[in-house]
Every structure is written in structure tokens, then in C-alpha cells.
Amino acid sequence: MSDATPQEVTFLIIGAGFSGLGAAIRLTTAGYRDLVVLERAGEVGGTWRDNVYPGCRCDVPSNLYSYSFEAKADWRETFPSQPELWEYLQQIVRKYQLGSYLRFGHEVTSARWDIADRDGGRWLVTTGQGTFAAYGGATGRTYDISGDDRRFLMLKDGPRDAPEQSARARLVVIEGWLDQLRTRVPQR
């Protein structure tokens, strides 16, 4: 993939931590397959991959710190440790077969809204390994989600280890709009 020819996708998710993986799962289980999850590291896990200091654990009880659709009944501790949380996320990736959507080593260097695009606009996201265009342009159609026609770029507030690098972009949140999405974006 070269910078001159971005890889086009409908859904572009930045980060393969809890939020990014959850978004990918919700989309794939709803039937959407035209998505990519960009991850700067070489593995999934986000915070639970990166923080490995002695005693690292969640400060939220384990029964509350898992996906609602994938409850884990056999947590070893009330407040789960970093290794157990990371393993949970790795198991989720395997169970929901997310491997083909993940792009490791793709640190985002820029994200900009390209209004000059042929379909009225798209997100252009550049990584050290190439550029992605998020907008569904392959179909030649635009989509309207609750009156917002800005395609689907999903990211969190920025890396926890470098909050000053937070992206200045319009955020899309999965919860609350997936049902509207089903009626407005054709499944592939």
C-alpha cells in the first residue's frame, strides 16, 4: 500500500485495546466486514499490554471489567491483574476471529478530513506503513448517521502514555448508533 493509493475502508478503528476491539466485535457481529483496526504495537491489549510494572492490576472489580456480551465468570481475583486482563483480550481476538482486521505496527502519524474527495469527504489516516481512507467510497455512496456524513473513524482520546498527542478529530461512539447504522449502511 502506497501513500498515493490509500486502502479504502468503511470503518477505520485506531487502537486495539478494549475500546477498539469492542468496536470491531460489535461491527463484525452485526455483519460488517469492511473494517481495519490500526495498532501501533505488535500485539493487541493497549494499556494491559503496555503496563507491566509489578502489581499492575485493574481498580475496577473483574465482573464489571469485561465486555457485557463476553462475561468472564472465572476471574482469579476480584481486581484482575495485568496478565489476566491481557490474556482475556487475546482470547477475545481468537474467539471473534479478529486477526484479519488487525494491522500491527501502524502508528498513526496524521488523521485529516479530506473534504475535496469525490464523495463529499473522507478521513485520510496516515501511518508509518501507509495511508487509509475511511468513507465507504468504494460503493460510490455516502452514508448519513444521525445527520452526520463524516464516515466512520473510531478512536479514543489518544495514547494513555502520551495524552498530548490526542487526535483532533470528530469521534464516533459505537454504543447507541449501531441500530441506526444497520438501517443506513448496507452490509458487505
N, C-alpha and C. Protein backbone atom coordinates (compact mmCIF):
# COMPACT_ATOMS: atom_id res chain seq x y z
N MET A 1 0.86 -1.17 0.00
CA MET A 1 0.00 0.00 0.00
C MET A 1 0.89 1.23 0.00
N SER A 2 0.69 2.10 -0.94
CA SER A 2 1.49 3.32 -1.00
C SER A 2 0.67 4.49 -0.51
N ASP A 3 1.37 5.60 -0.20
CA ASP A 3 0.67 6.80 0.23
C ASP A 3 -0.22 7.34 -0.88
N ALA A 4 0.16 7.11 -2.14
CA ALA A 4 -0.60 7.63 -3.26
C ALA A 4 -1.94 6.91 -3.42
N THR A 5 -2.00 5.66 -3.03
CA THR A 5 -3.22 4.90 -3.15
C THR A 5 -3.62 4.39 -1.78
N PRO A 6 -4.44 5.14 -1.06
CA PRO A 6 -4.82 4.68 0.27
C PRO A 6 -5.71 3.45 0.21
N GLN A 7 -5.61 2.63 1.23
CA GLN A 7 -6.51 1.49 1.36
C GLN A 7 -7.86 2.02 1.80
N GLU A 8 -8.90 1.76 1.04
CA GLU A 8 -10.23 2.28 1.35
C GLU A 8 -11.00 1.29 2.22
N VAL A 9 -11.59 1.80 3.28
CA VAL A 9 -12.42 1.00 4.17
C VAL A 9 -13.60 1.85 4.63
N THR A 10 -14.64 1.19 5.04
CA THR A 10 -15.79 1.92 5.58
C THR A 10 -15.53 2.31 7.03
N PHE A 11 -14.96 1.38 7.81
CA PHE A 11 -14.71 1.62 9.22
C PHE A 11 -13.22 1.51 9.51
N LEU A 12 -12.66 2.54 10.09
CA LEU A 12 -11.26 2.55 10.48
C LEU A 12 -11.20 2.80 11.98
N ILE A 13 -10.66 1.84 12.70
CA ILE A 13 -10.59 1.90 14.16
C ILE A 13 -9.13 2.06 14.54
N ILE A 14 -8.85 3.03 15.37
CA ILE A 14 -7.48 3.27 15.80
C ILE A 14 -7.31 2.76 17.22
N GLY A 15 -6.48 1.75 17.37
CA GLY A 15 -6.19 1.18 18.67
C GLY A 15 -6.83 -0.17 18.88
N ALA A 16 -6.03 -1.14 19.35
CA ALA A 16 -6.52 -2.50 19.59
C ALA A 16 -6.51 -2.82 21.07
N GLY A 17 -7.00 -1.86 21.86
CA GLY A 17 -7.23 -2.10 23.29
C GLY A 17 -8.69 -2.49 23.48
N PHE A 18 -9.19 -2.35 24.68
CA PHE A 18 -10.58 -2.73 24.98
C PHE A 18 -11.58 -2.04 24.05
N SER A 19 -11.45 -0.74 23.87
CA SER A 19 -12.42 0.00 23.06
C SER A 19 -12.37 -0.38 21.60
N GLY A 20 -11.17 -0.40 21.03
CA GLY A 20 -11.04 -0.73 19.61
C GLY A 20 -11.50 -2.14 19.30
N LEU A 21 -11.12 -3.10 20.13
CA LEU A 21 -11.55 -4.48 19.91
C LEU A 21 -13.06 -4.62 20.08
N GLY A 22 -13.60 -3.92 21.08
CA GLY A 22 -15.05 -3.95 21.28
C GLY A 22 -15.80 -3.41 20.08
N ALA A 23 -15.30 -2.32 19.50
CA ALA A 23 -15.92 -1.75 18.30
C ALA A 23 -15.86 -2.74 17.15
N ALA A 24 -14.70 -3.37 16.96
CA ALA A 24 -14.55 -4.35 15.88
C ALA A 24 -15.49 -5.53 16.06
N ILE A 25 -15.63 -6.00 17.28
CA ILE A 25 -16.53 -7.12 17.55
C ILE A 25 -17.97 -6.74 17.26
N ARG A 26 -18.39 -5.58 17.74
CA ARG A 26 -19.78 -5.15 17.50
C ARG A 26 -20.06 -5.02 16.01
N LEU A 27 -19.11 -4.49 15.26
CA LEU A 27 -19.31 -4.33 13.82
C LEU A 27 -19.34 -5.67 13.10
N THR A 28 -18.40 -6.56 13.42
CA THR A 28 -18.37 -7.85 12.71
C THR A 28 -19.57 -8.71 13.07
N THR A 29 -19.99 -8.69 14.32
CA THR A 29 -21.16 -9.49 14.68
C THR A 29 -22.44 -8.91 14.10
N ALA A 30 -22.40 -7.64 13.71
CA ALA A 30 -23.56 -7.03 13.03
C ALA A 30 -23.48 -7.25 11.52
N GLY A 31 -22.43 -7.92 11.06
CA GLY A 31 -22.33 -8.27 9.65
C GLY A 31 -21.42 -7.41 8.81
N TYR A 32 -20.75 -6.44 9.40
CA TYR A 32 -19.86 -5.57 8.64
C TYR A 32 -18.48 -6.19 8.56
N ARG A 33 -17.90 -6.19 7.38
CA ARG A 33 -16.58 -6.80 7.18
C ARG A 33 -15.55 -5.82 6.62
N ASP A 34 -15.98 -4.65 6.19
CA ASP A 34 -15.08 -3.68 5.58
C ASP A 34 -14.51 -2.76 6.65
N LEU A 35 -13.62 -3.33 7.47
CA LEU A 35 -13.04 -2.55 8.55
C LEU A 35 -11.60 -2.93 8.77
N VAL A 36 -10.87 -2.02 9.37
CA VAL A 36 -9.47 -2.22 9.72
C VAL A 36 -9.26 -1.63 11.10
N VAL A 37 -8.48 -2.34 11.92
CA VAL A 37 -8.07 -1.85 13.24
C VAL A 37 -6.58 -1.59 13.18
N LEU A 38 -6.19 -0.33 13.33
CA LEU A 38 -4.78 0.05 13.31
C LEU A 38 -4.23 0.00 14.73
N GLU A 39 -3.09 -0.65 14.90
CA GLU A 39 -2.44 -0.75 16.20
C GLU A 39 -0.96 -0.44 16.04
N ARG A 40 -0.47 0.49 16.84
CA ARG A 40 0.93 0.89 16.71
C ARG A 40 1.90 -0.19 17.20
N ALA A 41 1.48 -0.98 18.15
CA ALA A 41 2.35 -2.03 18.71
C ALA A 41 2.26 -3.31 17.87
N GLY A 42 2.90 -4.34 18.34
CA GLY A 42 2.92 -5.61 17.63
C GLY A 42 1.89 -6.61 18.11
N GLU A 43 1.09 -6.22 19.11
CA GLU A 43 0.07 -7.11 19.67
C GLU A 43 -1.11 -6.28 20.16
N VAL A 44 -2.23 -6.93 20.40
CA VAL A 44 -3.40 -6.26 20.96
C VAL A 44 -3.17 -6.03 22.45
N GLY A 45 -4.03 -5.24 23.05
CA GLY A 45 -4.02 -5.12 24.50
C GLY A 45 -3.99 -3.73 25.07
N GLY A 46 -3.49 -2.75 24.31
CA GLY A 46 -3.47 -1.38 24.81
C GLY A 46 -2.80 -1.26 26.17
N THR A 47 -3.49 -0.66 27.10
CA THR A 47 -3.00 -0.45 28.46
C THR A 47 -2.54 -1.76 29.09
N TRP A 48 -3.27 -2.83 28.84
CA TRP A 48 -2.97 -4.10 29.50
C TRP A 48 -1.84 -4.85 28.82
N ARG A 49 -1.40 -4.39 27.69
CA ARG A 49 -0.18 -4.90 27.06
C ARG A 49 1.01 -4.06 27.52
N ASP A 50 0.82 -2.76 27.58
CA ASP A 50 1.93 -1.82 27.80
C ASP A 50 2.37 -1.69 29.25
N ASN A 51 1.47 -1.78 30.18
CA ASN A 51 1.80 -1.59 31.59
C ASN A 51 2.13 -2.92 32.24
N VAL A 52 3.40 -3.12 32.54
CA VAL A 52 3.84 -4.40 33.08
C VAL A 52 4.59 -4.25 34.41
N TYR A 53 4.40 -3.13 35.06
CA TYR A 53 5.09 -2.91 36.33
C TYR A 53 4.57 -3.89 37.39
N PRO A 54 5.38 -4.18 38.40
CA PRO A 54 4.97 -5.14 39.44
C PRO A 54 3.66 -4.72 40.11
N GLY A 55 2.74 -5.65 40.21
CA GLY A 55 1.47 -5.39 40.87
C GLY A 55 0.43 -4.70 39.99
N CYS A 56 0.72 -4.51 38.73
CA CYS A 56 -0.23 -3.83 37.84
C CYS A 56 -1.54 -4.61 37.79
N ARG A 57 -2.63 -3.90 38.05
CA ARG A 57 -3.95 -4.53 38.04
C ARG A 57 -5.02 -3.47 37.84
N CYS A 58 -6.21 -3.92 37.59
CA CYS A 58 -7.35 -3.03 37.38
C CYS A 58 -7.92 -2.60 38.74
N ASP A 59 -8.40 -1.36 38.81
CA ASP A 59 -9.00 -0.89 40.06
C ASP A 59 -10.52 -1.01 40.02
N VAL A 60 -11.03 -1.72 39.03
CA VAL A 60 -12.46 -1.99 38.88
C VAL A 60 -12.66 -3.49 39.09
N PRO A 61 -13.68 -3.89 39.84
CA PRO A 61 -13.91 -5.33 40.05
C PRO A 61 -14.03 -6.08 38.71
N SER A 62 -13.45 -7.26 38.69
CA SER A 62 -13.35 -8.04 37.47
C SER A 62 -14.70 -8.33 36.81
N ASN A 63 -15.73 -8.56 37.61
CA ASN A 63 -17.03 -8.86 37.00
C ASN A 63 -17.60 -7.66 36.23
N LEU A 64 -17.09 -6.47 36.49
CA LEU A 64 -17.52 -5.27 35.77
C LEU A 64 -16.56 -4.90 34.64
N TYR A 65 -15.36 -5.48 34.67
CA TYR A 65 -14.34 -5.09 33.71
C TYR A 65 -14.17 -6.16 32.64
N SER A 66 -15.24 -6.39 31.93
CA SER A 66 -15.22 -7.30 30.78
C SER A 66 -16.37 -6.87 29.88
N TYR A 67 -16.35 -7.36 28.66
CA TYR A 67 -17.43 -7.00 27.74
C TYR A 67 -18.75 -7.58 28.22
N SER A 68 -19.82 -6.82 28.11
CA SER A 68 -21.14 -7.30 28.54
C SER A 68 -21.56 -8.54 27.76
N PHE A 69 -21.14 -8.64 26.54
CA PHE A 69 -21.51 -9.78 25.68
C PHE A 69 -20.53 -10.95 25.84
N GLU A 70 -19.49 -10.76 26.64
CA GLU A 70 -18.48 -11.81 26.82
C GLU A 70 -18.01 -11.81 28.27
N ALA A 71 -18.98 -12.03 29.16
CA ALA A 71 -18.67 -12.05 30.59
C ALA A 71 -17.73 -13.21 30.89
N LYS A 72 -16.82 -12.96 31.79
CA LYS A 72 -15.85 -13.98 32.20
C LYS A 72 -16.17 -14.35 33.64
N ALA A 73 -16.62 -15.56 33.84
CA ALA A 73 -17.05 -16.00 35.17
C ALA A 73 -15.90 -16.52 36.03
N ASP A 74 -14.77 -16.80 35.42
CA ASP A 74 -13.69 -17.45 36.16
C ASP A 74 -12.48 -16.55 36.41
N TRP A 75 -12.73 -15.26 36.68
CA TRP A 75 -11.61 -14.38 37.05
C TRP A 75 -10.95 -14.95 38.30
N ARG A 76 -9.63 -14.90 38.37
CA ARG A 76 -8.90 -15.45 39.51
C ARG A 76 -8.95 -14.54 40.73
N GLU A 77 -9.14 -13.22 40.48
CA GLU A 77 -9.13 -12.26 41.59
C GLU A 77 -10.25 -11.25 41.41
N THR A 78 -10.64 -10.61 42.49
CA THR A 78 -11.67 -9.57 42.43
C THR A 78 -11.22 -8.40 41.58
N PHE A 79 -9.97 -8.02 41.72
CA PHE A 79 -9.38 -6.95 40.92
C PHE A 79 -8.33 -7.60 40.03
N PRO A 80 -8.65 -7.80 38.76
CA PRO A 80 -7.79 -8.62 37.89
C PRO A 80 -6.42 -7.99 37.64
N SER A 81 -5.44 -8.87 37.52
CA SER A 81 -4.07 -8.45 37.26
C SER A 81 -3.86 -8.17 35.77
N GLN A 82 -2.79 -7.46 35.47
CA GLN A 82 -2.44 -7.13 34.09
C GLN A 82 -2.32 -8.39 33.22
N PRO A 83 -1.61 -9.44 33.65
CA PRO A 83 -1.50 -10.61 32.79
C PRO A 83 -2.86 -11.25 32.48
N GLU A 84 -3.74 -11.30 33.47
CA GLU A 84 -5.04 -11.93 33.24
C GLU A 84 -5.91 -11.09 32.30
N LEU A 85 -5.86 -9.78 32.43
CA LEU A 85 -6.62 -8.91 31.53
C LEU A 85 -6.09 -8.99 30.11
N TRP A 86 -4.80 -9.03 29.95
CA TRP A 86 -4.21 -9.13 28.63
C TRP A 86 -4.58 -10.46 27.97
N GLU A 87 -4.53 -11.53 28.75
CA GLU A 87 -4.93 -12.84 28.22
C GLU A 87 -6.41 -12.84 27.81
N TYR A 88 -7.25 -12.19 28.59
CA TYR A 88 -8.68 -12.07 28.25
C TYR A 88 -8.83 -11.43 26.87
N LEU A 89 -8.11 -10.34 26.62
CA LEU A 89 -8.21 -9.67 25.32
C LEU A 89 -7.68 -10.56 24.19
N GLN A 90 -6.61 -11.28 24.43
CA GLN A 90 -6.08 -12.19 23.41
C GLN A 90 -7.08 -13.30 23.10
N GLN A 91 -7.75 -13.81 24.12
CA GLN A 91 -8.78 -14.84 23.91
C GLN A 91 -9.95 -14.29 23.09
N ILE A 92 -10.32 -13.05 23.37
CA ILE A 92 -11.41 -12.40 22.64
C ILE A 92 -11.07 -12.30 21.15
N VAL A 93 -9.85 -11.90 20.85
CA VAL A 93 -9.42 -11.78 19.44
C VAL A 93 -9.55 -13.13 18.74
N ARG A 94 -9.11 -14.19 19.42
CA ARG A 94 -9.21 -15.52 18.81
C ARG A 94 -10.68 -15.95 18.65
N LYS A 95 -11.46 -15.78 19.70
CA LYS A 95 -12.86 -16.23 19.65
C LYS A 95 -13.65 -15.53 18.55
N TYR A 96 -13.46 -14.23 18.41
CA TYR A 96 -14.22 -13.46 17.43
C TYR A 96 -13.48 -13.32 16.09
N GLN A 97 -12.39 -14.03 15.94
CA GLN A 97 -11.64 -14.10 14.69
C GLN A 97 -11.34 -12.71 14.11
N LEU A 98 -10.73 -11.87 14.94
CA LEU A 98 -10.44 -10.50 14.53
C LEU A 98 -9.09 -10.34 13.84
N GLY A 99 -8.30 -11.40 13.80
CA GLY A 99 -6.94 -11.31 13.27
C GLY A 99 -6.84 -10.68 11.90
N SER A 100 -7.75 -10.98 11.01
CA SER A 100 -7.66 -10.46 9.64
C SER A 100 -7.94 -8.96 9.55
N TYR A 101 -8.51 -8.39 10.59
CA TYR A 101 -8.82 -6.96 10.59
C TYR A 101 -7.72 -6.12 11.24
N LEU A 102 -6.82 -6.76 11.95
CA LEU A 102 -5.78 -6.07 12.71
C LEU A 102 -4.58 -5.75 11.84
N ARG A 103 -4.06 -4.52 11.99
CA ARG A 103 -2.84 -4.10 11.31
C ARG A 103 -1.86 -3.61 12.37
N PHE A 104 -0.88 -4.45 12.67
CA PHE A 104 0.10 -4.13 13.71
C PHE A 104 1.23 -3.29 13.13
N GLY A 105 1.88 -2.52 14.00
CA GLY A 105 2.98 -1.67 13.58
C GLY A 105 2.53 -0.46 12.78
N HIS A 106 1.29 -0.08 12.95
CA HIS A 106 0.72 1.06 12.22
C HIS A 106 0.47 2.22 13.18
N GLU A 107 1.53 2.91 13.54
CA GLU A 107 1.38 4.08 14.38
C GLU A 107 0.83 5.22 13.54
N VAL A 108 -0.26 5.82 13.98
CA VAL A 108 -0.89 6.91 13.23
C VAL A 108 -0.05 8.16 13.37
N THR A 109 0.30 8.73 12.22
CA THR A 109 1.08 9.96 12.21
C THR A 109 0.23 11.17 11.86
N SER A 110 -0.90 10.93 11.20
CA SER A 110 -1.83 12.03 10.92
C SER A 110 -3.20 11.47 10.61
N ALA A 111 -4.21 12.28 10.89
CA ALA A 111 -5.59 11.97 10.54
C ALA A 111 -6.24 13.29 10.14
N ARG A 112 -6.72 13.34 8.91
CA ARG A 112 -7.33 14.60 8.46
C ARG A 112 -8.57 14.31 7.63
N TRP A 113 -9.48 15.24 7.71
CA TRP A 113 -10.71 15.17 6.95
C TRP A 113 -10.46 15.79 5.59
N ASP A 114 -10.65 15.00 4.53
CA ASP A 114 -10.42 15.45 3.16
C ASP A 114 -11.76 15.78 2.53
N ILE A 115 -12.14 17.04 2.55
CA ILE A 115 -13.44 17.45 2.03
C ILE A 115 -13.49 17.48 0.51
N ALA A 116 -12.32 17.47 -0.14
CA ALA A 116 -12.26 17.55 -1.59
C ALA A 116 -12.51 16.21 -2.27
N ASP A 117 -12.75 15.18 -1.50
CA ASP A 117 -12.96 13.86 -2.08
C ASP A 117 -14.21 13.80 -2.94
N ARG A 118 -14.24 12.86 -3.87
CA ARG A 118 -15.33 12.74 -4.84
C ARG A 118 -16.70 12.47 -4.21
N ASP A 119 -16.73 11.86 -3.03
CA ASP A 119 -18.00 11.55 -2.39
C ASP A 119 -18.36 12.54 -1.30
N GLY A 120 -17.72 13.68 -1.30
CA GLY A 120 -18.07 14.71 -0.33
C GLY A 120 -17.18 14.74 0.89
N GLY A 121 -16.23 13.86 0.98
CA GLY A 121 -15.30 13.88 2.10
C GLY A 121 -14.94 12.49 2.57
N ARG A 122 -13.78 12.40 3.19
CA ARG A 122 -13.32 11.14 3.75
C ARG A 122 -12.22 11.44 4.76
N TRP A 123 -11.99 10.51 5.66
CA TRP A 123 -10.87 10.58 6.57
C TRP A 123 -9.67 9.99 5.87
N LEU A 124 -8.56 10.69 5.88
CA LEU A 124 -7.28 10.16 5.41
C LEU A 124 -6.40 9.99 6.64
N VAL A 125 -6.03 8.76 6.90
CA VAL A 125 -5.24 8.44 8.08
C VAL A 125 -3.92 7.85 7.61
N THR A 126 -2.83 8.47 8.01
CA THR A 126 -1.51 8.02 7.59
C THR A 126 -0.80 7.36 8.77
N THR A 127 -0.17 6.24 8.47
CA THR A 127 0.66 5.53 9.45
C THR A 127 2.06 5.42 8.86
N GLY A 128 2.97 4.89 9.63
CA GLY A 128 4.32 4.68 9.14
C GLY A 128 4.38 3.66 8.01
N GLN A 129 3.29 2.92 7.80
CA GLN A 129 3.27 1.87 6.79
C GLN A 129 2.32 2.15 5.64
N GLY A 130 1.64 3.26 5.64
CA GLY A 130 0.74 3.57 4.54
C GLY A 130 -0.42 4.46 4.96
N THR A 131 -1.31 4.69 4.01
CA THR A 131 -2.44 5.58 4.23
C THR A 131 -3.75 4.81 4.04
N PHE A 132 -4.74 5.19 4.83
CA PHE A 132 -6.06 4.58 4.77
C PHE A 132 -7.08 5.68 4.53
N ALA A 133 -8.12 5.37 3.77
CA ALA A 133 -9.23 6.29 3.54
C ALA A 133 -10.49 5.64 4.11
N ALA A 134 -11.12 6.31 5.05
CA ALA A 134 -12.31 5.76 5.68
C ALA A 134 -13.52 6.55 5.24
N TYR A 135 -14.37 5.90 4.43
CA TYR A 135 -15.57 6.59 3.99
C TYR A 135 -16.54 5.75 3.18
N GLY A 136 -16.22 4.57 2.83
CA GLY A 136 -17.15 3.77 2.04
C GLY A 136 -17.18 4.19 0.59
N GLY A 137 -16.14 4.87 0.12
CA GLY A 137 -16.10 5.39 -1.24
C GLY A 137 -16.13 4.32 -2.31
N ALA A 138 -15.80 3.08 -1.97
CA ALA A 138 -15.79 2.02 -2.97
C ALA A 138 -17.17 1.77 -3.54
N THR A 139 -18.20 2.13 -2.79
CA THR A 139 -19.57 1.92 -3.27
C THR A 139 -20.08 3.12 -4.03
N GLY A 140 -19.37 4.24 -3.98
CA GLY A 140 -19.82 5.45 -4.64
C GLY A 140 -21.00 6.10 -3.94
N ARG A 141 -21.26 5.69 -2.69
CA ARG A 141 -22.39 6.23 -1.94
C ARG A 141 -21.89 6.94 -0.70
N THR A 142 -22.70 7.87 -0.23
CA THR A 142 -22.41 8.48 1.06
C THR A 142 -23.45 7.96 2.04
N TYR A 143 -23.09 7.97 3.32
CA TYR A 143 -23.98 7.46 4.35
C TYR A 143 -24.25 8.56 5.36
N ASP A 144 -25.42 8.56 5.89
CA ASP A 144 -25.82 9.56 6.86
C ASP A 144 -26.10 8.86 8.18
N ILE A 145 -25.31 9.13 9.18
CA ILE A 145 -25.52 8.57 10.51
C ILE A 145 -25.96 9.72 11.40
N SER A 146 -27.22 9.71 11.78
CA SER A 146 -27.79 10.74 12.64
C SER A 146 -27.46 12.14 12.14
N GLY A 147 -27.55 12.34 10.84
CA GLY A 147 -27.32 13.65 10.27
C GLY A 147 -25.85 13.99 10.08
N ASP A 148 -24.96 13.07 10.42
CA ASP A 148 -23.54 13.34 10.31
C ASP A 148 -22.97 12.51 9.16
N ASP A 149 -22.44 13.17 8.17
CA ASP A 149 -21.93 12.47 7.00
C ASP A 149 -20.41 12.51 6.97
N ARG A 150 -19.79 12.07 8.06
CA ARG A 150 -18.34 12.15 8.14
C ARG A 150 -17.68 10.78 8.16
N ARG A 151 -18.31 9.76 7.66
CA ARG A 151 -17.78 8.41 7.62
C ARG A 151 -17.49 7.89 9.02
N PHE A 152 -16.66 6.91 9.09
CA PHE A 152 -16.50 6.21 10.35
C PHE A 152 -15.04 6.04 10.72
N LEU A 153 -14.53 6.98 11.46
CA LEU A 153 -13.20 6.90 12.04
C LEU A 153 -13.40 6.77 13.53
N MET A 154 -12.94 5.68 14.11
CA MET A 154 -13.17 5.45 15.53
C MET A 154 -11.85 5.47 16.28
N LEU A 155 -11.73 6.33 17.25
CA LEU A 155 -10.54 6.41 18.05
C LEU A 155 -10.90 6.83 19.45
N LYS A 156 -9.96 6.56 20.33
CA LYS A 156 -10.17 7.01 21.70
C LYS A 156 -9.53 8.38 21.85
N ASP A 157 -9.34 8.83 23.06
CA ASP A 157 -8.85 10.18 23.29
C ASP A 157 -7.35 10.34 23.07
N GLY A 158 -6.66 9.31 22.70
CA GLY A 158 -5.22 9.39 22.45
C GLY A 158 -4.50 8.40 23.32
N PRO A 159 -3.25 8.16 23.02
CA PRO A 159 -2.49 7.18 23.80
C PRO A 159 -2.42 7.59 25.27
N ARG A 160 -2.65 6.65 26.15
CA ARG A 160 -2.60 6.94 27.59
C ARG A 160 -1.20 7.36 28.02
N ASP A 161 -0.18 6.90 27.29
CA ASP A 161 1.17 7.26 27.68
C ASP A 161 1.61 8.60 27.08
N ALA A 162 0.78 9.18 26.22
CA ALA A 162 1.12 10.47 25.61
C ALA A 162 -0.15 11.24 25.30
N PRO A 163 -0.90 11.66 26.33
CA PRO A 163 -2.19 12.32 26.08
C PRO A 163 -2.08 13.61 25.28
N GLU A 164 -0.90 14.22 25.26
CA GLU A 164 -0.74 15.44 24.48
C GLU A 164 -0.81 15.16 22.98
N GLN A 165 -0.75 13.88 22.58
CA GLN A 165 -0.83 13.52 21.18
C GLN A 165 -2.25 13.17 20.75
N SER A 166 -3.23 13.44 21.58
CA SER A 166 -4.60 13.10 21.24
C SER A 166 -4.99 13.67 19.90
N ALA A 167 -5.70 12.86 19.11
CA ALA A 167 -6.12 13.31 17.78
C ALA A 167 -7.18 14.40 17.92
N ARG A 168 -7.13 15.36 17.06
CA ARG A 168 -8.15 16.40 17.00
C ARG A 168 -9.12 16.00 15.89
N ALA A 169 -10.04 15.13 16.23
CA ALA A 169 -10.94 14.59 15.21
C ALA A 169 -12.33 14.37 15.82
N ARG A 170 -13.31 14.32 14.97
CA ARG A 170 -14.67 14.03 15.42
C ARG A 170 -14.74 12.56 15.79
N LEU A 171 -15.22 12.27 16.98
CA LEU A 171 -15.26 10.90 17.46
C LEU A 171 -16.62 10.28 17.20
N VAL A 172 -16.61 9.00 16.92
CA VAL A 172 -17.83 8.24 16.74
C VAL A 172 -17.84 7.16 17.80
N VAL A 173 -18.94 7.04 18.53
CA VAL A 173 -19.05 6.07 19.60
C VAL A 173 -19.97 4.95 19.17
N ILE A 174 -19.56 3.72 19.37
CA ILE A 174 -20.35 2.56 18.95
C ILE A 174 -21.71 2.50 19.64
N GLU A 175 -21.71 2.54 20.97
CA GLU A 175 -22.96 2.38 21.70
C GLU A 175 -23.98 3.44 21.28
N GLY A 176 -25.17 3.01 21.01
CA GLY A 176 -26.24 3.96 20.74
C GLY A 176 -26.49 4.22 19.27
N TRP A 177 -25.56 3.91 18.38
CA TRP A 177 -25.84 4.19 16.97
C TRP A 177 -25.75 2.96 16.10
N LEU A 178 -25.43 1.80 16.67
CA LEU A 178 -25.31 0.60 15.84
C LEU A 178 -26.63 0.23 15.19
N ASP A 179 -27.74 0.37 15.91
CA ASP A 179 -29.04 0.06 15.30
C ASP A 179 -29.35 0.99 14.15
N GLN A 180 -29.04 2.28 14.29
CA GLN A 180 -29.24 3.22 13.18
C GLN A 180 -28.33 2.87 12.02
N LEU A 181 -27.13 2.44 12.33
CA LEU A 181 -26.17 2.07 11.30
C LEU A 181 -26.69 0.90 10.47
N ARG A 182 -27.29 -0.08 11.10
CA ARG A 182 -27.80 -1.25 10.39
C ARG A 182 -28.81 -0.86 9.31
N THR A 183 -29.58 0.17 9.57
CA THR A 183 -30.62 0.54 8.62
C THR A 183 -30.10 1.48 7.53
N ARG A 184 -28.92 2.04 7.70
CA ARG A 184 -28.44 3.04 6.75
C ARG A 184 -27.22 2.63 5.95
N VAL A 185 -26.42 1.71 6.44
CA VAL A 185 -25.23 1.30 5.72
C VAL A 185 -25.42 -0.14 5.27
N PRO A 186 -25.38 -0.39 3.97
CA PRO A 186 -25.56 -1.77 3.50
C PRO A 186 -24.41 -2.65 3.98
N GLN A 187 -24.74 -3.87 4.37
CA GLN A 187 -23.70 -4.80 4.78
C GLN A 187 -22.99 -5.34 3.54
N ARG A 188 -21.73 -5.65 3.71
CA ARG A 188 -20.93 -6.17 2.59
C ARG A 188 -20.79 -7.65 2.69
